[in-house]
Each structure stands twice: as C-alpha cells, then as structure tokens.
C-alpha atoms as a PDB file:
ATOM      1  CA  MET A   1      -0.038  -0.019   0.001  1.00  0.00           C
ATOM      2  CA  VAL A   2       1.705   3.113  -1.236  1.00  0.00           C
ATOM      3  CA  ASN A   3      -0.836   5.842  -0.408  1.00  0.00           C
ATOM      4  CA  THR A   4      -2.218   4.742   2.985  1.00  0.00           C
ATOM      5  CA  VAL A   5      -2.704   8.296   4.296  1.00  0.00           C
ATOM      6  CA  GLY A   6      -5.017   8.933   1.335  1.00  0.00           C
ATOM      7  CA  MET A   7      -6.812   5.666   1.617  1.00  0.00           C
ATOM      8  CA  PHE A   8      -7.542   5.997   5.370  1.00  0.00           C
ATOM      9  CA  GLY A   9      -8.418   9.708   4.958  1.00  0.00           C
ATOM     10  CA  LYS A  10     -10.876   8.958   2.126  1.00  0.00           C
ATOM     11  CA  PHE A  11     -12.453   6.112   4.131  1.00  0.00           C
ATOM     12  CA  LEU A  12     -12.867   8.328   7.243  1.00  0.00           C
ATOM     13  CA  ARG A  13     -14.458  11.161   5.078  1.00  0.00           C
ATOM     14  CA  LYS A  14     -16.643   9.182   2.731  1.00  0.00           C
ATOM     15  CA  GLU A  15     -17.582   6.054   4.664  1.00  0.00           C
ATOM     16  CA  ALA A  16     -17.457   7.006   8.307  1.00  0.00           C
ATOM     17  CA  GLY A  17     -18.595  10.649   8.236  1.00  0.00           C
ATOM     18  CA  PHE A  18     -15.477  12.298   9.653  1.00  0.00           C
ATOM     19  CA  TRP A  19     -14.408  15.903   8.977  1.00  0.00           C
ATOM     20  CA  ARG A  20     -10.827  16.994   8.389  1.00  0.00           C
ATOM     21  CA  ILE A  21      -9.627  19.648  10.840  1.00  0.00           C
ATOM     22  CA  LYS A  22      -6.507  21.750  10.976  1.00  0.00           C
ATOM     23  CA  SER A  23      -3.412  19.907  12.165  1.00  0.00           C
ATOM     24  CA  GLN A  24      -1.637  21.087  15.313  1.00  0.00           C
ATOM     25  CA  GLY A  25       1.713  21.482  13.587  1.00  0.00           C
ATOM     26  CA  ASN A  26       2.958  18.017  14.572  1.00  0.00           C
ATOM     27  CA  GLY A  27       2.753  16.632  11.057  1.00  0.00           C
ATOM     28  CA  MET A  28      -0.249  14.402  11.742  1.00  0.00           C
ATOM     29  CA  ILE A  29      -3.454  14.761   9.746  1.00  0.00           C
ATOM     30  CA  CYS A  30      -6.482  14.961  12.041  1.00  0.00           C
ATOM     31  CA  TYR A  31     -10.142  14.024  11.436  1.00  0.00           C
ATOM     32  CA  CYS A  32     -13.013  14.333  13.865  1.00  0.00           C
ATOM     33  CA  LYS A  33     -16.654  13.272  14.270  1.00  0.00           C
ATOM     34  CA  HIS A  34     -18.891  14.658  16.927  1.00  0.00           C
ATOM     35  CA  ASN A  35     -22.301  13.442  18.073  1.00  0.00           C
ATOM     36  CA  ALA A  36     -24.543  14.009  21.066  1.00  0.00           C
ATOM     37  CA  LYS A  37     -24.571  10.283  21.638  1.00  0.00           C
ATOM     38  CA  TYR A  38     -20.891   9.607  22.084  1.00  0.00           C
ATOM     39  CA  GLY A  39     -19.139  12.980  22.090  1.00  0.00           C
ATOM     40  CA  GLY A  40     -16.090  13.194  19.979  1.00  0.00           C
ATOM     41  CA  ILE A  41     -14.007  10.704  18.016  1.00  0.00           C
ATOM     42  CA  TYR A  42     -10.710  11.849  16.728  1.00  0.00           C
ATOM     43  CA  ALA A  43      -8.616  10.091  14.136  1.00  0.00           C
ATOM     44  CA  TYR A  44      -4.901  10.858  13.547  1.00  0.00           C
ATOM     45  CA  ILE A  45      -3.008   9.751  10.488  1.00  0.00           C
ATOM     46  CA  GLU A  46       0.717  10.128  10.501  1.00  0.00           C
ATOM     47  CA  PRO A  47       2.214  10.372   7.037  1.00  0.00           C
ATOM     48  CA  GLY A  48       4.514   7.439   6.342  1.00  0.00           C
ATOM     49  CA  LYS A  49       2.787   5.083   8.806  1.00  0.00           C
ATOM     50  CA  ASN A  50       0.295   2.481   7.728  1.00  0.00           C
ATOM     51  CA  GLY A  51      -2.824   2.999   9.844  1.00  0.00           C
ATOM     52  CA  VAL A  52      -4.885   5.397  11.837  1.00  0.00           C
ATOM     53  CA  LYS A  53      -4.969   6.237  15.551  1.00  0.00           C
ATOM     54  CA  ILE A  54      -8.484   6.620  16.993  1.00  0.00           C
ATOM     55  CA  ILE A  55      -9.051   8.514  20.251  1.00  0.00           C
ATOM     56  CA  THR A  56     -12.453   8.459  21.951  1.00  0.00           C
ATOM     57  CA  GLY A  57     -13.465   8.627  25.562  1.00  0.00           C
ATOM     58  CA  GLY A  58      -9.878   9.150  26.663  1.00  0.00           C
ATOM     59  CA  LYS A  59      -8.778   5.853  25.125  1.00  0.00           C
ATOM     60  CA  SER A  60      -6.515   5.414  22.178  1.00  0.00           C
ATOM     61  CA  ARG A  61      -6.479   2.510  19.626  1.00  0.00           C
ATOM     62  CA  PHE A  62      -4.452   1.996  16.463  1.00  0.00           C
ATOM     63  CA  PHE A  63      -5.888   0.378  13.345  1.00  0.00           C
ATOM     64  CA  ASP A  64      -4.013  -0.821  10.301  1.00  0.00           C
ATOM     65  CA  ASN A  65      -6.880  -2.461   8.421  1.00  0.00           C
ATOM     66  CA  PHE A  66     -10.311  -1.224   7.380  1.00  0.00           C
ATOM     67  CA  GLY A  67     -12.237  -4.250   8.654  1.00  0.00           C
ATOM     68  CA  ALA A  68     -11.180  -3.754  12.266  1.00  0.00           C
ATOM     69  CA  LEU A  69     -11.706  -0.001  12.067  1.00  0.00           C
ATOM     70  CA  THR A  70     -15.265  -0.447  10.604  1.00  0.00           C
ATOM     71  CA  ASP A  71     -16.105  -3.009  13.328  1.00  0.00           C
ATOM     72  CA  PHE A  72     -14.845  -0.695  16.076  1.00  0.00           C
ATOM     73  CA  LEU A  73     -16.825   2.267  14.800  1.00  0.00           C
ATOM     74  CA  ASN A  74     -19.950   0.252  14.372  1.00  0.00           C
ATOM     75  CA  LYS A  75     -19.672  -1.202  17.974  1.00  0.00           C
ATOM     76  CA  LEU A  76     -19.004   2.301  19.282  1.00  0.00           C
ATOM     77  CA  GLU A  77     -22.171   3.565  17.470  1.00  0.00           C
ATOM     78  CA  GLU A  78     -24.259   0.591  18.832  1.00  0.00           C
ATOM     79  CA  ASN A  79     -23.051   1.035  22.457  1.00  0.00           C
ATOM     80  CA  SER A  80     -23.654   4.714  22.423  1.00  0.00           C
ATOM     81  CA  GLU A  81     -27.093   4.273  20.910  1.00  0.00           C
ATOM     82  CA  SER A  82     -28.237   2.019  23.786  1.00  0.00           C
ATOM     83  CA  ASN A  83     -26.610   4.211  26.436  1.00  0.00           C
ATOM     84  CA  PHE A  84     -28.118   7.331  24.893  1.00  0.00           C
ATOM     85  CA  ASN A  85     -31.592   5.831  24.748  1.00  0.00           C
ATOM     86  CA  GLY A  86     -31.420   4.870  28.441  1.00  0.00           C
ATOM     87  CA  LEU A  87     -30.335   8.316  29.392  1.00  0.00           C
ATOM     88  CA  VAL A  88     -33.064  10.005  27.332  1.00  0.00           C
ATOM     89  CA  ARG A  89     -35.719   7.763  28.777  1.00  0.00           C
ATOM     90  CA  ALA A  90     -34.533   8.576  32.332  1.00  0.00           C
ATOM     91  CA  LEU A  91     -34.583  12.332  31.595  1.00  0.00           C
ATOM     92  CA  TYR A  92     -38.061  12.132  30.081  1.00  0.00           C
ATOM     93  CA  ARG A  93     -39.305  10.082  33.044  1.00  0.00           C
ATOM     94  CA  ASN A  94     -37.938  12.643  35.478  1.00  0.00           C
ATOM     95  CA  THR A  95     -39.425  15.599  33.528  1.00  0.00           C
ATOM     96  CA  GLY A  96     -42.707  13.824  33.239  1.00  0.00           C
ATOM     97  CA  THR A  97     -42.839  13.123  36.920  1.00  0.00           C
ATOM     98  CA  LYS A  98     -42.122  16.810  37.743  1.00  0.00           C
ATOM     99  CA  VAL A  99     -44.896  17.954  35.387  1.00  0.00           C
ATOM    100  CA  MET A 100     -47.389  15.499  36.860  1.00  0.00           C
ATOM    101  CA  ARG A 101     -46.657  16.645  40.417  1.00  0.00           C
ATOM    102  CA  THR A 102     -47.551  20.231  39.403  1.00  0.00           C
ATOM    103  CA  PHE A 103     -51.092  19.303  38.452  1.00  0.00           C
ATOM    104  CA  ALA A 104     -53.770  20.044  41.018  1.00  0.00           C
ATOM    105  CA  LEU A 105     -55.876  17.017  41.988  1.00  0.00           C
END
C-alpha cells in the first residue's frame, strides 16, 4: 500500500462521516466526528505510517486495516445508541414526573 494516508483519509471522510480539521503542527493529519450520543471521536493519520490512531473517551487505539476499524466504529455507535436511549428515557421520566406533580388534583 503506497498511499495509505489517502486511503484512510478517504475512508474516514466518505464512509465514516469524519471531517478533516486543521493539524496542530505535529505533522499528523486529524479528522473528527462529533455526536450528542458519544461525544467526539478523533482520528490521527501520521504520514509514512500504515494506519490510523482513533481516540475516543480518553482511550486510544491504532488500526491498520479497514475491517477492524469499521467493526470498532460500528460497535461504538451501537453501544452509544443503547446508552443514549437509556439516558433520554430517564430524563423524560424525570421531567414527566415533575410535570405530573404540578397538576392540582
């Protein structure tokens, strides 16, 4: 694989919905994806290295093939979906309880 930076960058942009952001001057190419469900996912590609470093939730993982990267992103989406739905249900339940308590009987 000669042009791995381009391949991983294209995959992140086109397939995974990441946005390229300005690099910090360290020579790495940075992509990000933000969502209310899971916060931010940051991907760093270092020119000359075969792979991408993903940072999310304070944890860092390195991927050098697209299959493992796709599986990781899909599992992250699934886990955040279930956690987010539980949080939203709890918030609505608390809000509904407060509203019901304000009604005069």
